[in-house]
Amino acid sequence: MHRDPEAARAAGHQDVIAPPTYVVSLTMRSEAQAAADAFGDIDMADILHRDQSFTHVRPVRAGDRLVVTSEVSSREIDGRHVLTLETDVRTVGGEQVCTAGSVMVYSGEVTR
């Protein structure tokens, strides 16, 4: 279904679909920007990835034009910032495709 249009159509799709983990390539940029907007320049060497989750409403389809938005919240534990990011992936028409959740621990300096 991910590479063969015939297999995708046999499974009920109009064209090939992206693998479920494809959205990581989209959400990472949005999450990084949301974290930078909230905390300033973040050194990725000071990030520990703690958790990741996805809730798929439907697969990403060939030709989809997607809008990705992220919100970040944080709490401090033992001098480290625990960042919780919620990311929404929708088509430009507003149809929900996926939501992603990510938790990271940041031990670097906050510049904002």
PDB file of N, CA and C in Angstrom:
ATOM      1  N   MET A   1       0.808  -1.193   0.000  1.00  0.00           N
ATOM      2  CA  MET A   1       0.000   0.000   0.000  1.00  0.00           C
ATOM      3  C   MET A   1       0.855   1.263   0.000  1.00  0.00           C
ATOM      4  N   HIS A   2       2.090   1.140   0.446  1.00  0.00           N
ATOM      5  CA  HIS A   2       2.949   2.312   0.555  1.00  0.00           C
ATOM      6  C   HIS A   2       3.726   2.589  -0.727  1.00  0.00           C
ATOM      7  N   ARG A   3       3.897   1.577  -1.562  1.00  0.00           N
ATOM      8  CA  ARG A   3       4.682   1.748  -2.791  1.00  0.00           C
ATOM      9  C   ARG A   3       3.953   1.302  -4.048  1.00  0.00           C
ATOM     10  N   ASP A   4       2.973   0.460  -3.891  1.00  0.00           N
ATOM     11  CA  ASP A   4       2.297  -0.142  -5.035  1.00  0.00           C
ATOM     12  C   ASP A   4       0.863   0.387  -5.139  1.00  0.00           C
ATOM     13  N   PRO A   5       0.590   1.217  -6.162  1.00  0.00           N
ATOM     14  CA  PRO A   5      -0.761   1.773  -6.298  1.00  0.00           C
ATOM     15  C   PRO A   5      -1.842   0.700  -6.412  1.00  0.00           C
ATOM     16  N   GLU A   6      -1.541  -0.402  -7.062  1.00  0.00           N
ATOM     17  CA  GLU A   6      -2.546  -1.467  -7.181  1.00  0.00           C
ATOM     18  C   GLU A   6      -2.866  -2.076  -5.826  1.00  0.00           C
ATOM     19  N   ALA A   7      -1.850  -2.315  -5.029  1.00  0.00           N
ATOM     20  CA  ALA A   7      -2.079  -2.861  -3.686  1.00  0.00           C
ATOM     21  C   ALA A   7      -2.868  -1.868  -2.834  1.00  0.00           C
ATOM     22  N   ALA A   8      -2.567  -0.590  -2.996  1.00  0.00           N
ATOM     23  CA  ALA A   8      -3.303   0.441  -2.256  1.00  0.00           C
ATOM     24  C   ALA A   8      -4.770   0.450  -2.664  1.00  0.00           C
ATOM     25  N   ARG A   9      -5.026   0.384  -3.960  1.00  0.00           N
ATOM     26  CA  ARG A   9      -6.420   0.372  -4.436  1.00  0.00           C
ATOM     27  C   ARG A   9      -7.140  -0.897  -3.967  1.00  0.00           C
ATOM     28  N   ALA A  10      -6.447  -2.024  -3.962  1.00  0.00           N
ATOM     29  CA  ALA A  10      -7.055  -3.279  -3.502  1.00  0.00           C
ATOM     30  C   ALA A  10      -7.437  -3.196  -2.024  1.00  0.00           C
ATOM     31  N   ALA A  11      -6.729  -2.358  -1.285  1.00  0.00           N
ATOM     32  CA  ALA A  11      -7.022  -2.178   0.140  1.00  0.00           C
ATOM     33  C   ALA A  11      -8.039  -1.063   0.380  1.00  0.00           C
ATOM     34  N   GLY A  12      -8.549  -0.474  -0.706  1.00  0.00           N
ATOM     35  CA  GLY A  12      -9.588   0.535  -0.562  1.00  0.00           C
ATOM     36  C   GLY A  12      -9.125   1.973  -0.635  1.00  0.00           C
ATOM     37  N   HIS A  13      -7.858   2.201  -0.961  1.00  0.00           N
ATOM     38  CA  HIS A  13      -7.330   3.560  -1.078  1.00  0.00           C
ATOM     39  C   HIS A  13      -7.313   3.978  -2.543  1.00  0.00           C
ATOM     40  N   GLN A  14      -7.359   5.281  -2.797  1.00  0.00           N
ATOM     41  CA  GLN A  14      -7.339   5.770  -4.177  1.00  0.00           C
ATOM     42  C   GLN A  14      -5.935   5.718  -4.773  1.00  0.00           C
ATOM     43  N   ASP A  15      -4.921   5.799  -3.923  1.00  0.00           N
ATOM     44  CA  ASP A  15      -3.531   5.805  -4.375  1.00  0.00           C
ATOM     45  C   ASP A  15      -2.688   5.305  -3.207  1.00  0.00           C
ATOM     46  N   VAL A  16      -1.372   5.336  -3.373  1.00  0.00           N
ATOM     47  CA  VAL A  16      -0.495   4.882  -2.299  1.00  0.00           C
ATOM     48  C   VAL A  16      -0.705   5.746  -1.061  1.00  0.00           C
ATOM     49  N   ILE A  17      -0.421   5.158   0.089  1.00  0.00           N
ATOM     50  CA  ILE A  17      -0.498   5.882   1.355  1.00  0.00           C
ATOM     51  C   ILE A  17       0.884   5.870   1.991  1.00  0.00           C
ATOM     52  N   ALA A  18       1.130   6.843   2.832  1.00  0.00           N
ATOM     53  CA  ALA A  18       2.405   6.922   3.538  1.00  0.00           C
ATOM     54  C   ALA A  18       2.418   5.937   4.703  1.00  0.00           C
ATOM     55  N   PRO A  19       3.592   5.397   5.042  1.00  0.00           N
ATOM     56  CA  PRO A  19       3.674   4.566   6.244  1.00  0.00           C
ATOM     57  C   PRO A  19       3.263   5.394   7.473  1.00  0.00           C
ATOM     58  N   PRO A  20       2.726   4.765   8.501  1.00  0.00           N
ATOM     59  CA  PRO A  20       2.263   5.518   9.677  1.00  0.00           C
ATOM     60  C   PRO A  20       3.333   6.416  10.302  1.00  0.00           C
ATOM     61  N   THR A  21       4.578   6.004  10.249  1.00  0.00           N
ATOM     62  CA  THR A  21       5.642   6.802  10.869  1.00  0.00           C
ATOM     63  C   THR A  21       6.094   7.973  10.007  1.00  0.00           C
ATOM     64  N   TYR A  22       5.560   8.111   8.803  1.00  0.00           N
ATOM     65  CA  TYR A  22       5.930   9.221   7.924  1.00  0.00           C
ATOM     66  C   TYR A  22       5.719  10.574   8.597  1.00  0.00           C
ATOM     67  N   VAL A  23       4.661  10.704   9.383  1.00  0.00           N
ATOM     68  CA  VAL A  23       4.349  11.999   9.981  1.00  0.00           C
ATOM     69  C   VAL A  23       5.445  12.502  10.920  1.00  0.00           C
ATOM     70  N   VAL A  24       6.339  11.622  11.367  1.00  0.00           N
ATOM     71  CA  VAL A  24       7.452  12.067  12.203  1.00  0.00           C
ATOM     72  C   VAL A  24       8.258  13.131  11.471  1.00  0.00           C
ATOM     73  N   SER A  25       8.453  12.952  10.165  1.00  0.00           N
ATOM     74  CA  SER A  25       9.228  13.928   9.396  1.00  0.00           C
ATOM     75  C   SER A  25       8.547  15.289   9.385  1.00  0.00           C
ATOM     76  N   LEU A  26       7.254  15.321   9.544  1.00  0.00           N
ATOM     77  CA  LEU A  26       6.515  16.576   9.590  1.00  0.00           C
ATOM     78  C   LEU A  26       6.462  17.148  11.003  1.00  0.00           C
ATOM     79  N   THR A  27       6.187  16.298  11.974  1.00  0.00           N
ATOM     80  CA  THR A  27       5.995  16.784  13.339  1.00  0.00           C
ATOM     81  C   THR A  27       7.290  17.269  13.970  1.00  0.00           C
ATOM     82  N   MET A  28       8.420  16.684  13.616  1.00  0.00           N
ATOM     83  CA  MET A  28       9.696  17.086  14.224  1.00  0.00           C
ATOM     84  C   MET A  28       9.994  18.561  13.984  1.00  0.00           C
ATOM     85  N   ARG A  29       9.789  19.028  12.774  1.00  0.00           N
ATOM     86  CA  ARG A  29      10.055  20.445  12.468  1.00  0.00           C
ATOM     87  C   ARG A  29       9.123  21.363  13.247  1.00  0.00           C
ATOM     88  N   SER A  30       7.860  20.993  13.281  1.00  0.00           N
ATOM     89  CA  SER A  30       6.888  21.813  13.982  1.00  0.00           C
ATOM     90  C   SER A  30       7.170  21.848  15.482  1.00  0.00           C
ATOM     91  N   GLU A  31       7.507  20.696  16.050  1.00  0.00           N
ATOM     92  CA  GLU A  31       7.828  20.625  17.479  1.00  0.00           C
ATOM     93  C   GLU A  31       9.074  21.430  17.806  1.00  0.00           C
ATOM     94  N   ALA A  32      10.098  21.330  16.966  1.00  0.00           N
ATOM     95  CA  ALA A  32      11.335  22.089  17.199  1.00  0.00           C
ATOM     96  C   ALA A  32      11.056  23.587  17.175  1.00  0.00           C
ATOM     97  N   GLN A  33      10.216  24.025  16.249  1.00  0.00           N
ATOM     98  CA  GLN A  33       9.878  25.449  16.175  1.00  0.00           C
ATOM     99  C   GLN A  33       9.075  25.892  17.393  1.00  0.00           C
ATOM    100  N   ALA A  34       8.118  25.078  17.825  1.00  0.00           N
ATOM    101  CA  ALA A  34       7.310  25.421  19.006  1.00  0.00           C
ATOM    102  C   ALA A  34       8.191  25.514  20.250  1.00  0.00           C
ATOM    103  N   ALA A  35       9.130  24.577  20.392  1.00  0.00           N
ATOM    104  CA  ALA A  35      10.039  24.605  21.545  1.00  0.00           C
ATOM    105  C   ALA A  35      10.949  25.831  21.481  1.00  0.00           C
ATOM    106  N   ALA A  36      11.455  26.162  20.313  1.00  0.00           N
ATOM    107  CA  ALA A  36      12.325  27.339  20.157  1.00  0.00           C
ATOM    108  C   ALA A  36      11.550  28.623  20.442  1.00  0.00           C
ATOM    109  N   ASP A  37      10.294  28.684  19.985  1.00  0.00           N
ATOM    110  CA  ASP A  37       9.473  29.866  20.251  1.00  0.00           C
ATOM    111  C   ASP A  37       9.256  30.047  21.751  1.00  0.00           C
ATOM    112  N   ALA A  38       9.105  28.946  22.471  1.00  0.00           N
ATOM    113  CA  ALA A  38       8.843  29.010  23.912  1.00  0.00           C
ATOM    114  C   ALA A  38      10.096  29.216  24.749  1.00  0.00           C
ATOM    115  N   PHE A  39      11.222  28.617  24.317  1.00  0.00           N
ATOM    116  CA  PHE A  39      12.395  28.583  25.173  1.00  0.00           C
ATOM    117  C   PHE A  39      13.648  29.206  24.578  1.00  0.00           C
ATOM    118  N   GLY A  40      13.581  29.688  23.356  1.00  0.00           N
ATOM    119  CA  GLY A  40      14.768  30.244  22.717  1.00  0.00           C
ATOM    120  C   GLY A  40      15.557  29.143  22.034  1.00  0.00           C
ATOM    121  N   ASP A  41      16.809  29.437  21.759  1.00  0.00           N
ATOM    122  CA  ASP A  41      17.661  28.458  21.078  1.00  0.00           C
ATOM    123  C   ASP A  41      17.896  27.255  21.978  1.00  0.00           C
ATOM    124  N   ILE A  42      17.547  26.081  21.471  1.00  0.00           N
ATOM    125  CA  ILE A  42      17.721  24.845  22.220  1.00  0.00           C
ATOM    126  C   ILE A  42      18.813  24.030  21.562  1.00  0.00           C
ATOM    127  N   ASP A  43      19.770  23.608  22.361  1.00  0.00           N
ATOM    128  CA  ASP A  43      20.833  22.743  21.855  1.00  0.00           C
ATOM    129  C   ASP A  43      20.311  21.311  21.890  1.00  0.00           C
ATOM    130  N   MET A  44      20.168  20.719  20.712  1.00  0.00           N
ATOM    131  CA  MET A  44      19.602  19.367  20.631  1.00  0.00           C
ATOM    132  C   MET A  44      20.450  18.334  21.388  1.00  0.00           C
ATOM    133  N   ALA A  45      21.703  18.639  21.644  1.00  0.00           N
ATOM    134  CA  ALA A  45      22.545  17.727  22.428  1.00  0.00           C
ATOM    135  C   ALA A  45      22.070  17.647  23.879  1.00  0.00           C
ATOM    136  N   ASP A  46      21.266  18.632  24.311  1.00  0.00           N
ATOM    137  CA  ASP A  46      20.750  18.664  25.679  1.00  0.00           C
ATOM    138  C   ASP A  46      19.323  18.108  25.782  1.00  0.00           C
ATOM    139  N   ILE A  47      18.858  17.449  24.726  1.00  0.00           N
ATOM    140  CA  ILE A  47      17.500  16.893  24.698  1.00  0.00           C
ATOM    141  C   ILE A  47      17.547  15.373  24.856  1.00  0.00           C
ATOM    142  N   LEU A  48      16.702  14.870  25.728  1.00  0.00           N
ATOM    143  CA  LEU A  48      16.490  13.429  25.859  1.00  0.00           C
ATOM    144  C   LEU A  48      15.049  13.166  25.450  1.00  0.00           C
ATOM    145  N   HIS A  49      14.870  12.359  24.430  1.00  0.00           N
ATOM    146  CA  HIS A  49      13.531  12.017  23.943  1.00  0.00           C
ATOM    147  C   HIS A  49      12.952  10.971  24.877  1.00  0.00           C
ATOM    148  N   ARG A  50      11.818  11.273  25.490  1.00  0.00           N
ATOM    149  CA  ARG A  50      11.271  10.403  26.529  1.00  0.00           C
ATOM    150  C   ARG A  50      10.070   9.582  26.067  1.00  0.00           C
ATOM    151  N   ASP A  51       9.236  10.161  25.210  1.00  0.00           N
ATOM    152  CA  ASP A  51       8.021   9.451  24.825  1.00  0.00           C
ATOM    153  C   ASP A  51       7.517   9.989  23.493  1.00  0.00           C
ATOM    154  N   GLN A  52       6.818   9.148  22.753  1.00  0.00           N
ATOM    155  CA  GLN A  52       6.236   9.531  21.463  1.00  0.00           C
ATOM    156  C   GLN A  52       4.958   8.746  21.276  1.00  0.00           C
ATOM    157  N   SER A  53       3.910   9.399  20.797  1.00  0.00           N
ATOM    158  CA  SER A  53       2.661   8.703  20.506  1.00  0.00           C
ATOM    159  C   SER A  53       2.003   9.324  19.287  1.00  0.00           C
ATOM    160  N   PHE A  54       1.230   8.506  18.589  1.00  0.00           N
ATOM    161  CA  PHE A  54       0.484   8.964  17.423  1.00  0.00           C
ATOM    162  C   PHE A  54      -0.923   8.398  17.485  1.00  0.00           C
ATOM    163  N   THR A  55      -1.879   9.222  17.133  1.00  0.00           N
ATOM    164  CA  THR A  55      -3.249   8.775  16.958  1.00  0.00           C
ATOM    165  C   THR A  55      -3.630   9.127  15.529  1.00  0.00           C
ATOM    166  N   HIS A  56      -3.763   8.100  14.699  1.00  0.00           N
ATOM    167  CA  HIS A  56      -4.066   8.308  13.286  1.00  0.00           C
ATOM    168  C   HIS A  56      -5.571   8.264  13.069  1.00  0.00           C
ATOM    169  N   VAL A  57      -6.089   9.282  12.410  1.00  0.00           N
ATOM    170  CA  VAL A  57      -7.493   9.320  12.034  1.00  0.00           C
ATOM    171  C   VAL A  57      -7.648   8.667  10.662  1.00  0.00           C
ATOM    172  N   ARG A  58      -6.701   8.957   9.801  1.00  0.00           N
ATOM    173  CA  ARG A  58      -6.651   8.333   8.485  1.00  0.00           C
ATOM    174  C   ARG A  58      -5.210   8.407   7.983  1.00  0.00           C
ATOM    175  N   PRO A  59      -4.839   7.580   7.010  1.00  0.00           N
ATOM    176  CA  PRO A  59      -3.465   7.627   6.515  1.00  0.00           C
ATOM    177  C   PRO A  59      -3.201   8.891   5.697  1.00  0.00           C
ATOM    178  N   VAL A  60      -1.941   9.270   5.640  1.00  0.00           N
ATOM    179  CA  VAL A  60      -1.516  10.328   4.724  1.00  0.00           C
ATOM    180  C   VAL A  60      -1.555   9.730   3.326  1.00  0.00           C
ATOM    181  N   ARG A  61      -2.218  10.433   2.425  1.00  0.00           N
ATOM    182  CA  ARG A  61      -2.401   9.940   1.064  1.00  0.00           C
ATOM    183  C   ARG A  61      -1.518  10.710   0.080  1.00  0.00           C
ATOM    184  N   ALA A  62      -1.159  10.059  -0.999  1.00  0.00           N
ATOM    185  CA  ALA A  62      -0.424  10.738  -2.065  1.00  0.00           C
ATOM    186  C   ALA A  62      -1.220  11.963  -2.483  1.00  0.00           C
ATOM    187  N   GLY A  63      -0.542  13.099  -2.581  1.00  0.00           N
ATOM    188  CA  GLY A  63      -1.196  14.342  -2.987  1.00  0.00           C
ATOM    189  C   GLY A  63      -1.729  15.180  -1.848  1.00  0.00           C
ATOM    190  N   ASP A  64      -1.750  14.664  -0.625  1.00  0.00           N
ATOM    191  CA  ASP A  64      -2.212  15.459   0.515  1.00  0.00           C
ATOM    192  C   ASP A  64      -1.336  16.695   0.681  1.00  0.00           C
ATOM    193  N   ARG A  65      -1.983  17.809   0.964  1.00  0.00           N
ATOM    194  CA  ARG A  65      -1.278  19.020   1.386  1.00  0.00           C
ATOM    195  C   ARG A  65      -1.638  19.203   2.847  1.00  0.00           C
ATOM    196  N   LEU A  66      -0.630  19.195   3.701  1.00  0.00           N
ATOM    197  CA  LEU A  66      -0.869  19.124   5.135  1.00  0.00           C
ATOM    198  C   LEU A  66      -0.409  20.375   5.863  1.00  0.00           C
ATOM    199  N   VAL A  67      -1.113  20.687   6.931  1.00  0.00           N
ATOM    200  CA  VAL A  67      -0.769  21.780   7.830  1.00  0.00           C
ATOM    201  C   VAL A  67      -0.471  21.148   9.186  1.00  0.00           C
ATOM    202  N   VAL A  68       0.671  21.501   9.750  1.00  0.00           N
ATOM    203  CA  VAL A  68       1.110  20.909  11.014  1.00  0.00           C
ATOM    204  C   VAL A  68       1.292  22.031  12.040  1.00  0.00           C
ATOM    205  N   THR A  69       0.636  21.898  13.185  1.00  0.00           N
ATOM    206  CA  THR A  69       0.774  22.892  14.249  1.00  0.00           C
ATOM    207  C   THR A  69       1.086  22.177  15.564  1.00  0.00           C
ATOM    208  N   SER A  70       1.954  22.809  16.345  1.00  0.00           N
ATOM    209  CA  SER A  70       2.362  22.221  17.627  1.00  0.00           C
ATOM    210  C   SER A  70       2.188  23.222  18.755  1.00  0.00           C
ATOM    211  N   GLU A  71       1.844  22.688  19.905  1.00  0.00           N
ATOM    212  CA  GLU A  71       1.781  23.469  21.137  1.00  0.00           C
ATOM    213  C   GLU A  71       2.698  22.806  22.147  1.00  0.00           C
ATOM    214  N   VAL A  72       3.363  23.624  22.958  1.00  0.00           N
ATOM    215  CA  VAL A  72       4.305  23.093  23.930  1.00  0.00           C
ATOM    216  C   VAL A  72       3.932  23.587  25.317  1.00  0.00           C
ATOM    217  N   SER A  73       4.088  22.723  26.287  1.00  0.00           N
ATOM    218  CA  SER A  73       3.963  23.100  27.690  1.00  0.00           C
ATOM    219  C   SER A  73       5.167  22.486  28.398  1.00  0.00           C
ATOM    220  N   SER A  74       5.473  23.011  29.577  1.00  0.00           N
ATOM    221  CA  SER A  74       6.631  22.468  30.288  1.00  0.00           C
ATOM    222  C   SER A  74       6.433  22.525  31.786  1.00  0.00           C
ATOM    223  N   ARG A  75       7.203  21.708  32.431  1.00  0.00           N
ATOM    224  CA  ARG A  75       7.296  21.752  33.886  1.00  0.00           C
ATOM    225  C   ARG A  75       8.746  21.468  34.230  1.00  0.00           C
ATOM    226  N   GLU A  76       9.182  21.938  35.370  1.00  0.00           N
ATOM    227  CA  GLU A  76      10.573  21.738  35.768  1.00  0.00           C
ATOM    228  C   GLU A  76      10.651  20.653  36.829  1.00  0.00           C
ATOM    229  N   ILE A  77      11.571  19.713  36.614  1.00  0.00           N
ATOM    230  CA  ILE A  77      11.819  18.637  37.567  1.00  0.00           C
ATOM    231  C   ILE A  77      13.326  18.522  37.744  1.00  0.00           C
ATOM    232  N   ASP A  78      13.792  18.697  38.970  1.00  0.00           N
ATOM    233  CA  ASP A  78      15.220  18.574  39.286  1.00  0.00           C
ATOM    234  C   ASP A  78      16.108  19.406  38.361  1.00  0.00           C
ATOM    235  N   GLY A  79      15.677  20.639  38.065  1.00  0.00           N
ATOM    236  CA  GLY A  79      16.478  21.535  37.242  1.00  0.00           C
ATOM    237  C   GLY A  79      16.413  21.264  35.749  1.00  0.00           C
ATOM    238  N   ARG A  80      15.587  20.334  35.353  1.00  0.00           N
ATOM    239  CA  ARG A  80      15.416  20.024  33.923  1.00  0.00           C
ATOM    240  C   ARG A  80      13.994  20.374  33.509  1.00  0.00           C
ATOM    241  N   HIS A  81      13.866  20.783  32.271  1.00  0.00           N
ATOM    242  CA  HIS A  81      12.550  21.131  31.733  1.00  0.00           C
ATOM    243  C   HIS A  81      11.973  19.917  31.006  1.00  0.00           C
ATOM    244  N   VAL A  82      10.807  19.499  31.426  1.00  0.00           N
ATOM    245  CA  VAL A  82      10.104  18.417  30.747  1.00  0.00           C
ATOM    246  C   VAL A  82       9.114  19.079  29.797  1.00  0.00           C
ATOM    247  N   LEU A  83       9.383  18.938  28.498  1.00  0.00           N
ATOM    248  CA  LEU A  83       8.562  19.563  27.472  1.00  0.00           C
ATOM    249  C   LEU A  83       7.544  18.562  26.961  1.00  0.00           C
ATOM    250  N   THR A  84       6.293  18.946  26.963  1.00  0.00           N
ATOM    251  CA  THR A  84       5.227  18.128  26.401  1.00  0.00           C
ATOM    252  C   THR A  84       4.715  18.850  25.172  1.00  0.00           C
ATOM    253  N   LEU A  85       4.783  18.170  24.035  1.00  0.00           N
ATOM    254  CA  LEU A  85       4.369  18.765  22.768  1.00  0.00           C
ATOM    255  C   LEU A  85       3.184  18.002  22.200  1.00  0.00           C
ATOM    256  N   GLU A  86       2.162  18.745  21.814  1.00  0.00           N
ATOM    257  CA  GLU A  86       0.982  18.173  21.159  1.00  0.00           C
ATOM    258  C   GLU A  86       0.943  18.745  19.751  1.00  0.00           C
ATOM    259  N   THR A  87       0.902  17.866  18.767  1.00  0.00           N
ATOM    260  CA  THR A  87       0.962  18.298  17.377  1.00  0.00           C
ATOM    261  C   THR A  87      -0.249  17.790  16.615  1.00  0.00           C
ATOM    262  N   ASP A  88      -0.832  18.675  15.836  1.00  0.00           N
ATOM    263  CA  ASP A  88      -2.016  18.379  15.047  1.00  0.00           C
ATOM    264  C   ASP A  88      -1.638  18.400  13.571  1.00  0.00           C
ATOM    265  N   VAL A  89      -2.013  17.357  12.843  1.00  0.00           N
ATOM    266  CA  VAL A  89      -1.753  17.269  11.408  1.00  0.00           C
ATOM    267  C   VAL A  89      -3.105  17.219  10.705  1.00  0.00           C
ATOM    268  N   ARG A  90      -3.337  18.212   9.840  1.00  0.00           N
ATOM    269  CA  ARG A  90      -4.593  18.314   9.099  1.00  0.00           C
ATOM    270  C   ARG A  90      -4.314  18.612   7.636  1.00  0.00           C
ATOM    271  N   THR A  91      -5.298  18.338   6.799  1.00  0.00           N
ATOM    272  CA  THR A  91      -5.196  18.760   5.407  1.00  0.00           C
ATOM    273  C   THR A  91      -5.433  20.267   5.355  1.00  0.00           C
ATOM    274  N   VAL A  92      -5.055  20.900   4.242  1.00  0.00           N
ATOM    275  CA  VAL A  92      -5.312  22.335   4.105  1.00  0.00           C
ATOM    276  C   VAL A  92      -6.810  22.635   4.168  1.00  0.00           C
ATOM    277  N   GLY A  93      -7.643  21.646   3.890  1.00  0.00           N
ATOM    278  CA  GLY A  93      -9.092  21.802   3.999  1.00  0.00           C
ATOM    279  C   GLY A  93      -9.623  21.613   5.408  1.00  0.00           C
ATOM    280  N   GLY A  94      -8.746  21.264   6.351  1.00  0.00           N
ATOM    281  CA  GLY A  94      -9.143  21.130   7.750  1.00  0.00           C
ATOM    282  C   GLY A  94      -9.444  19.721   8.216  1.00  0.00           C
ATOM    283  N   GLU A  95      -9.335  18.730   7.330  1.00  0.00           N
ATOM    284  CA  GLU A  95      -9.602  17.346   7.740  1.00  0.00           C
ATOM    285  C   GLU A  95      -8.464  16.829   8.622  1.00  0.00           C
ATOM    286  N   GLN A  96      -8.806  16.325   9.795  1.00  0.00           N
ATOM    287  CA  GLN A  96      -7.776  15.811  10.690  1.00  0.00           C
ATOM    288  C   GLN A  96      -7.209  14.503  10.155  1.00  0.00           C
ATOM    289  N   VAL A  97      -5.883  14.411  10.174  1.00  0.00           N
ATOM    290  CA  VAL A  97      -5.176  13.219   9.716  1.00  0.00           C
ATOM    291  C   VAL A  97      -4.574  12.481  10.907  1.00  0.00           C
ATOM    292  N   CYS A  98      -3.959  13.227  11.814  1.00  0.00           N
ATOM    293  CA  CYS A  98      -3.215  12.593  12.905  1.00  0.00           C
ATOM    294  C   CYS A  98      -2.968  13.606  14.014  1.00  0.00           C
ATOM    295  N   THR A  99      -2.856  13.101  15.242  1.00  0.00           N
ATOM    296  CA  THR A  99      -2.318  13.905  16.333  1.00  0.00           C
ATOM    297  C   THR A  99      -1.105  13.166  16.871  1.00  0.00           C
ATOM    298  N   ALA A 100      -0.131  13.926  17.290  1.00  0.00           N
ATOM    299  CA  ALA A 100       1.101  13.344  17.823  1.00  0.00           C
ATOM    300  C   ALA A 100       1.396  13.960  19.175  1.00  0.00           C
ATOM    301  N   GLY A 101       1.925  13.165  20.048  1.00  0.00           N
ATOM    302  CA  GLY A 101       2.365  13.644  21.346  1.00  0.00           C
ATOM    303  C   GLY A 101       3.817  13.285  21.529  1.00  0.00           C
ATOM    304  N   SER A 102       4.557  14.176  22.137  1.00  0.00           N
ATOM    305  CA  SER A 102       5.980  13.944  22.350  1.00  0.00           C
ATOM    306  C   SER A 102       6.376  14.544  23.690  1.00  0.00           C
ATOM    307  N   VAL A 103       7.226  13.837  24.415  1.00  0.00           N
ATOM    308  CA  VAL A 103       7.746  14.334  25.676  1.00  0.00           C
ATOM    309  C   VAL A 103       9.263  14.304  25.595  1.00  0.00           C
ATOM    310  N   MET A 104       9.888  15.442  25.923  1.00  0.00           N
ATOM    311  CA  MET A 104      11.341  15.547  25.895  1.00  0.00           C
ATOM    312  C   MET A 104      11.816  16.168  27.196  1.00  0.00           C
ATOM    313  N   VAL A 105      13.001  15.781  27.594  1.00  0.00           N
ATOM    314  CA  VAL A 105      13.612  16.367  28.784  1.00  0.00           C
ATOM    315  C   VAL A 105      14.779  17.225  28.305  1.00  0.00           C
ATOM    316  N   TYR A 106      14.755  18.504  28.681  1.00  0.00           N
ATOM    317  CA  TYR A 106      15.776  19.464  28.255  1.00  0.00           C
ATOM    318  C   TYR A 106      16.596  19.877  29.462  1.00  0.00           C
ATOM    319  N   SER A 107      17.880  19.638  29.415  1.00  0.00           N
ATOM    320  CA  SER A 107      18.740  19.972  30.552  1.00  0.00           C
ATOM    321  C   SER A 107      19.600  21.197  30.293  1.00  0.00           C
ATOM    322  N   GLY A 108      19.398  21.855  29.162  1.00  0.00           N
ATOM    323  CA  GLY A 108      20.196  23.037  28.813  1.00  0.00           C
ATOM    324  C   GLY A 108      19.613  24.311  29.381  1.00  0.00           C
ATOM    325  N   GLU A 109      20.196  25.406  28.970  1.00  0.00           N
ATOM    326  CA  GLU A 109      19.818  26.737  29.438  1.00  0.00           C
ATOM    327  C   GLU A 109      18.620  27.256  28.629  1.00  0.00           C
ATOM    328  N   VAL A 110      17.702  27.892  29.337  1.00  0.00           N
ATOM    329  CA  VAL A 110      16.550  28.527  28.693  1.00  0.00           C
ATOM    330  C   VAL A 110      16.911  29.979  28.453  1.00  0.00           C
ATOM    331  N   THR A 111      16.764  30.431  27.202  1.00  0.00           N
ATOM    332  CA  THR A 111      17.151  31.799  26.864  1.00  0.00           C
ATOM    333  C   THR A 111      15.945  32.729  26.743  1.00  0.00           C
ATOM    334  N   ARG A 112      14.760  32.251  26.979  1.00  0.00           N
ATOM    335  CA  ARG A 112      13.553  33.103  26.946  1.00  0.00           C
ATOM    336  C   ARG A 112      12.827  33.023  28.237  1.00  0.00           C
TER     337      ARG A 112
END
